[in-house]
C-alpha atoms as a PDB file:
ATOM      1  CA  MET A   1      13.123  19.498  26.571  1.00  0.00           C
ATOM      2  CA  VAL A   2      13.581  16.050  28.155  1.00  0.00           C
ATOM      3  CA  VAL A   3      11.360  13.117  27.205  1.00  0.00           C
ATOM      4  CA  THR A   4      11.211   9.902  29.189  1.00  0.00           C
ATOM      5  CA  THR A   5      11.566   6.727  27.129  1.00  0.00           C
ATOM      6  CA  ARG A   6      11.731   3.386  28.935  1.00  0.00           C
ATOM      7  CA  ARG A   7      12.942   4.974  32.148  1.00  0.00           C
ATOM      8  CA  VAL A   8      15.936   6.533  30.408  1.00  0.00           C
ATOM      9  CA  HIS A   9      16.032  10.287  30.031  1.00  0.00           C
ATOM     10  CA  VAL A  10      17.050  11.311  26.530  1.00  0.00           C
ATOM     11  CA  ARG A  11      16.872  14.548  24.644  1.00  0.00           C
ATOM     12  CA  ARG A  12      14.066  15.030  22.181  1.00  0.00           C
ATOM     13  CA  GLY A  13      14.855  13.281  18.871  1.00  0.00           C
ATOM     14  CA  GLN A  14      17.415  10.791  20.168  1.00  0.00           C
ATOM     15  CA  TYR A  15      14.817   8.001  20.260  1.00  0.00           C
ATOM     16  CA  LEU A  16      13.983   8.671  16.609  1.00  0.00           C
ATOM     17  CA  ARG A  17      17.658   8.728  15.626  1.00  0.00           C
ATOM     18  CA  ARG A  18      18.154   5.326  17.269  1.00  0.00           C
ATOM     19  CA  GLN A  19      15.141   4.026  15.405  1.00  0.00           C
ATOM     20  CA  MET A  20      16.323   5.455  12.065  1.00  0.00           C
ATOM     21  CA  GLY A  21      19.553   3.464  12.347  1.00  0.00           C
ATOM     22  CA  ARG A  22      17.601   0.217  11.908  1.00  0.00           C
ATOM     23  CA  ARG A  23      16.793  -1.222   8.470  1.00  0.00           C
ATOM     24  CA  GLY A  24      13.036  -1.241   8.902  1.00  0.00           C
ATOM     25  CA  ILE A  25      10.289  -2.454  11.147  1.00  0.00           C
ATOM     26  CA  PRO A  26       9.307  -6.060  10.418  1.00  0.00           C
ATOM     27  CA  TYR A  27       5.588  -6.539   9.859  1.00  0.00           C
ATOM     28  CA  THR A  28       3.390  -9.431   8.765  1.00  0.00           C
ATOM     29  CA  MET A  29      -0.117  -9.082   7.418  1.00  0.00           C
ATOM     30  CA  LYS A  30      -2.716 -11.623   6.467  1.00  0.00           C
ATOM     31  CA  LEU A  31      -4.328 -11.353   3.032  1.00  0.00           C
ATOM     32  CA  ALA A  32      -7.985 -12.067   2.320  1.00  0.00           C
ATOM     33  CA  ASP A  33      -7.128 -15.395   0.667  1.00  0.00           C
ATOM     34  CA  GLY A  34      -5.341 -16.649   3.810  1.00  0.00           C
ATOM     35  CA  ARG A  35      -1.733 -16.052   2.739  1.00  0.00           C
ATOM     36  CA  THR A  36       0.629 -14.136   4.995  1.00  0.00           C
ATOM     37  CA  VAL A  37       2.982 -11.453   3.683  1.00  0.00           C
ATOM     38  CA  PHE A  38       6.154 -10.343   5.461  1.00  0.00           C
ATOM     39  CA  VAL A  39       7.567  -6.886   4.791  1.00  0.00           C
ATOM     40  CA  GLU A  40      10.054  -4.540   6.405  1.00  0.00           C
ATOM     41  CA  VAL A  41       8.252  -1.219   6.629  1.00  0.00           C
ATOM     42  CA  PRO A  42      10.671   1.699   6.175  1.00  0.00           C
ATOM     43  CA  ASN A  43      11.341   3.579   9.393  1.00  0.00           C
ATOM     44  CA  ARG A  44       9.814   6.818   8.193  1.00  0.00           C
ATOM     45  CA  MET A  45       6.493   4.989   7.649  1.00  0.00           C
ATOM     46  CA  ALA A  46       6.175   3.358  11.057  1.00  0.00           C
ATOM     47  CA  ARG A  47       7.205   3.907  14.614  1.00  0.00           C
ATOM     48  CA  THR A  48       7.231   1.720  17.668  1.00  0.00           C
ATOM     49  CA  ASP A  49       5.754   3.347  20.709  1.00  0.00           C
ATOM     50  CA  ARG A  50       7.033   2.942  24.255  1.00  0.00           C
ATOM     51  CA  SER A  51       5.099  -0.286  24.763  1.00  0.00           C
ATOM     52  CA  GLY A  52       6.652  -1.793  21.621  1.00  0.00           C
ATOM     53  CA  GLU A  53       3.483  -1.597  19.510  1.00  0.00           C
ATOM     54  CA  ILE A  54       3.792  -0.530  15.868  1.00  0.00           C
ATOM     55  CA  ALA A  55       2.108   2.724  14.849  1.00  0.00           C
ATOM     56  CA  PHE A  56       1.948   3.528  11.135  1.00  0.00           C
ATOM     57  CA  THR A  57       2.082   6.983   9.624  1.00  0.00           C
ATOM     58  CA  PRO A  58      -0.454   7.794   6.889  1.00  0.00           C
ATOM     59  CA  GLU A  59       2.310   7.115   4.346  1.00  0.00           C
ATOM     60  CA  GLY A  60       2.863   3.709   5.935  1.00  0.00           C
ATOM     61  CA  VAL A  61      -0.833   2.845   5.736  1.00  0.00           C
ATOM     62  CA  ARG A  62      -0.834   3.740   2.016  1.00  0.00           C
ATOM     63  CA  PHE A  63       2.306   1.608   1.512  1.00  0.00           C
ATOM     64  CA  LEU A  64       0.579  -1.405   3.093  1.00  0.00           C
ATOM     65  CA  ASP A  65      -2.578  -0.763   1.053  1.00  0.00           C
ATOM     66  CA  TYR A  66      -0.514  -0.763  -2.155  1.00  0.00           C
ATOM     67  CA  LEU A  67       1.229  -3.972  -1.131  1.00  0.00           C
ATOM     68  CA  ARG A  68      -2.075  -5.636  -0.236  1.00  0.00           C
ATOM     69  CA  ALA A  69      -3.639  -4.548  -3.552  1.00  0.00           C
ATOM     70  CA  LEU A  70      -0.744  -5.986  -5.567  1.00  0.00           C
ATOM     71  CA  ALA A  71      -0.525  -9.219  -3.597  1.00  0.00           C
ATOM     72  CA  SER A  72      -4.253  -9.989  -3.456  1.00  0.00           C
ATOM     73  CA  PRO A  73      -5.977 -11.730  -6.337  1.00  0.00           C
ATOM     74  CA  LEU A  74      -8.390  -9.591  -8.321  1.00  0.00           C
ATOM     75  CA  ASP A  75     -11.864 -10.895  -7.569  1.00  0.00           C
ATOM     76  CA  ARG A  76     -14.933 -10.395  -9.717  1.00  0.00           C
ATOM     77  CA  SER A  77     -16.234  -7.440  -7.724  1.00  0.00           C
ATOM     78  CA  PRO A  78     -13.343  -5.342  -6.386  1.00  0.00           C
ATOM     79  CA  SER A  79     -14.106  -2.479  -4.028  1.00  0.00           C
ATOM     80  CA  PRO A  80     -13.558   1.133  -5.092  1.00  0.00           C
ATOM     81  CA  ALA A  81     -10.782   1.508  -2.493  1.00  0.00           C
ATOM     82  CA  TYR A  82      -9.044  -1.608  -3.833  1.00  0.00           C
ATOM     83  CA  LEU A  83      -9.168  -0.259  -7.402  1.00  0.00           C
ATOM     84  CA  THR A  84      -7.774   3.095  -6.278  1.00  0.00           C
ATOM     85  CA  ALA A  85      -4.964   1.475  -4.261  1.00  0.00           C
ATOM     86  CA  LEU A  86      -4.116  -0.827  -7.172  1.00  0.00           C
ATOM     87  CA  ARG A  87      -3.964   2.055  -9.650  1.00  0.00           C
ATOM     88  CA  GLU A  88      -1.783   4.127  -7.322  1.00  0.00           C
ATOM     89  CA  ALA A  89       0.470   1.131  -6.592  1.00  0.00           C
ATOM     90  CA  LEU A  90       1.029   0.777 -10.332  1.00  0.00           C
ATOM     91  CA  GLY A  91       1.906   4.479 -10.445  1.00  0.00           C
ATOM     92  CA  LEU A  92      -0.814   5.347 -12.957  1.00  0.00           C
ATOM     93  CA  THR A  93      -3.279   8.190 -13.224  1.00  0.00           C
ATOM     94  CA  GLN A  94      -6.916   7.457 -14.008  1.00  0.00           C
ATOM     95  CA  LYS A  95      -6.351   8.569 -17.593  1.00  0.00           C
ATOM     96  CA  GLU A  96      -3.265   6.337 -18.024  1.00  0.00           C
ATOM     97  CA  LEU A  97      -5.059   3.319 -16.558  1.00  0.00           C
ATOM     98  CA  ALA A  98      -8.064   3.936 -18.789  1.00  0.00           C
ATOM     99  CA  SER A  99      -5.931   4.101 -21.918  1.00  0.00           C
ATOM    100  CA  ARG A 100      -4.118   0.856 -21.018  1.00  0.00           C
ATOM    101  CA  LEU A 101      -7.443  -0.896 -20.438  1.00  0.00           C
ATOM    102  CA  GLY A 102      -9.069   0.535 -23.562  1.00  0.00           C
ATOM    103  CA  ARG A 103     -11.644   2.477 -21.554  1.00  0.00           C
ATOM    104  CA  ASN A 104     -12.158   6.172 -20.936  1.00  0.00           C
ATOM    105  CA  ALA A 105     -11.045   8.038 -17.811  1.00  0.00           C
ATOM    106  CA  LEU A 106     -14.647   8.693 -16.778  1.00  0.00           C
ATOM    107  CA  SER A 107     -15.233   4.938 -16.433  1.00  0.00           C
ATOM    108  CA  VAL A 108     -12.198   4.543 -14.176  1.00  0.00           C
ATOM    109  CA  SER A 109     -13.357   7.503 -12.096  1.00  0.00           C
ATOM    110  CA  ARG A 110     -16.791   5.919 -11.727  1.00  0.00           C
ATOM    111  CA  TRP A 111     -15.223   2.595 -10.659  1.00  0.00           C
ATOM    112  CA  GLU A 112     -13.185   4.357  -7.988  1.00  0.00           C
ATOM    113  CA  ARG A 113     -16.204   6.304  -6.718  1.00  0.00           C
ATOM    114  CA  GLY A 114     -18.315   3.164  -6.614  1.00  0.00           C
ATOM    115  CA  THR A 115     -21.052   4.426  -8.938  1.00  0.00           C
ATOM    116  CA  MET A 116     -20.167   1.776 -11.527  1.00  0.00           C
ATOM    117  CA  ARG A 117     -18.457  -1.636 -11.484  1.00  0.00           C
ATOM    118  CA  PRO A 118     -15.872  -2.762 -14.040  1.00  0.00           C
ATOM    119  CA  GLY A 119     -17.184  -5.312 -16.530  1.00  0.00           C
ATOM    120  CA  ARG A 120     -15.799  -8.770 -17.183  1.00  0.00           C
ATOM    121  CA  GLU A 121     -13.608  -7.580 -20.071  1.00  0.00           C
ATOM    122  CA  SER A 122     -12.225  -4.679 -18.037  1.00  0.00           C
ATOM    123  CA  LEU A 123     -11.407  -6.989 -15.110  1.00  0.00           C
ATOM    124  CA  ALA A 124      -9.628  -9.395 -17.459  1.00  0.00           C
ATOM    125  CA  ALA A 125      -7.599  -6.527 -18.943  1.00  0.00           C
ATOM    126  CA  LEU A 126      -6.802  -5.233 -15.454  1.00  0.00           C
ATOM    127  CA  THR A 127      -5.684  -8.705 -14.360  1.00  0.00           C
ATOM    128  CA  ARG A 128      -3.350  -8.929 -17.386  1.00  0.00           C
ATOM    129  CA  LEU A 129      -1.982  -5.440 -16.645  1.00  0.00           C
ATOM    130  CA  VAL A 130      -1.251  -6.324 -13.002  1.00  0.00           C
ATOM    131  CA  ALA A 131       0.365  -9.646 -13.997  1.00  0.00           C
ATOM    132  CA  LYS A 132       2.613  -7.862 -16.496  1.00  0.00           C
ATOM    133  CA  ALA A 133       3.551  -5.225 -13.916  1.00  0.00           C
ATOM    134  CA  LYS A 134       4.415  -7.943 -11.371  1.00  0.00           C
ATOM    135  CA  GLN A 135       6.508  -9.756 -13.972  1.00  0.00           C
ATOM    136  CA  ASN A 136       8.427  -6.578 -14.815  1.00  0.00           C
ATOM    137  CA  GLY A 137       8.663  -5.537 -11.176  1.00  0.00           C
ATOM    138  CA  VAL A 138       6.754  -2.862  -9.307  1.00  0.00           C
ATOM    139  CA  VAL A 139       8.610  -0.275  -7.265  1.00  0.00           C
ATOM    140  CA  LEU A 140       6.584   0.895  -4.293  1.00  0.00           C
ATOM    141  CA  PRO A 141       7.430   4.185  -2.612  1.00  0.00           C
ATOM    142  CA  GLY A 142       9.667   3.521   0.325  1.00  0.00           C
END
C-alpha cells in the first residue's frame, strides 16, 4: 500500500521509521502556577501529523500528566485526577501510598474517587513524600 506524505510517495511505515530515528519530539507546557516546562516526548508517545501538529498517544498523555503532577505545587485541595496522576508518577499503588502516609488504602481510594478530601496532615505528609521522591529522582516511563 502507498501512502502520500508531503507530496512524496513512500511505503507504509517509512514515515514512522524516519520519525523513530529522532531523539524525541520537543514540547513545552504551561503549569498552573505560570511556569513553563520543556520536555522531549519519546517518539512512541507522540507523532507529528502531515501538517506538523503534535498528536499524543494515550501513553503520551499519561506521561505529560505524570510530569505535570510532579512539577506542580500541591495545593490545599487537589483534584482526584491530580492525586491519581501523582500516585502513579511515583510508581505506588494505593496501598503503598497509604502506608507511607500513615493512612489506610480505603482513604486513598476515596481521595481518588472524589468522595473525600485529604486532610491537612495527609497533604503535609504527601508534600514531604513528593519532595523526597524529587530529591532522590523520579523515573517516569519513557
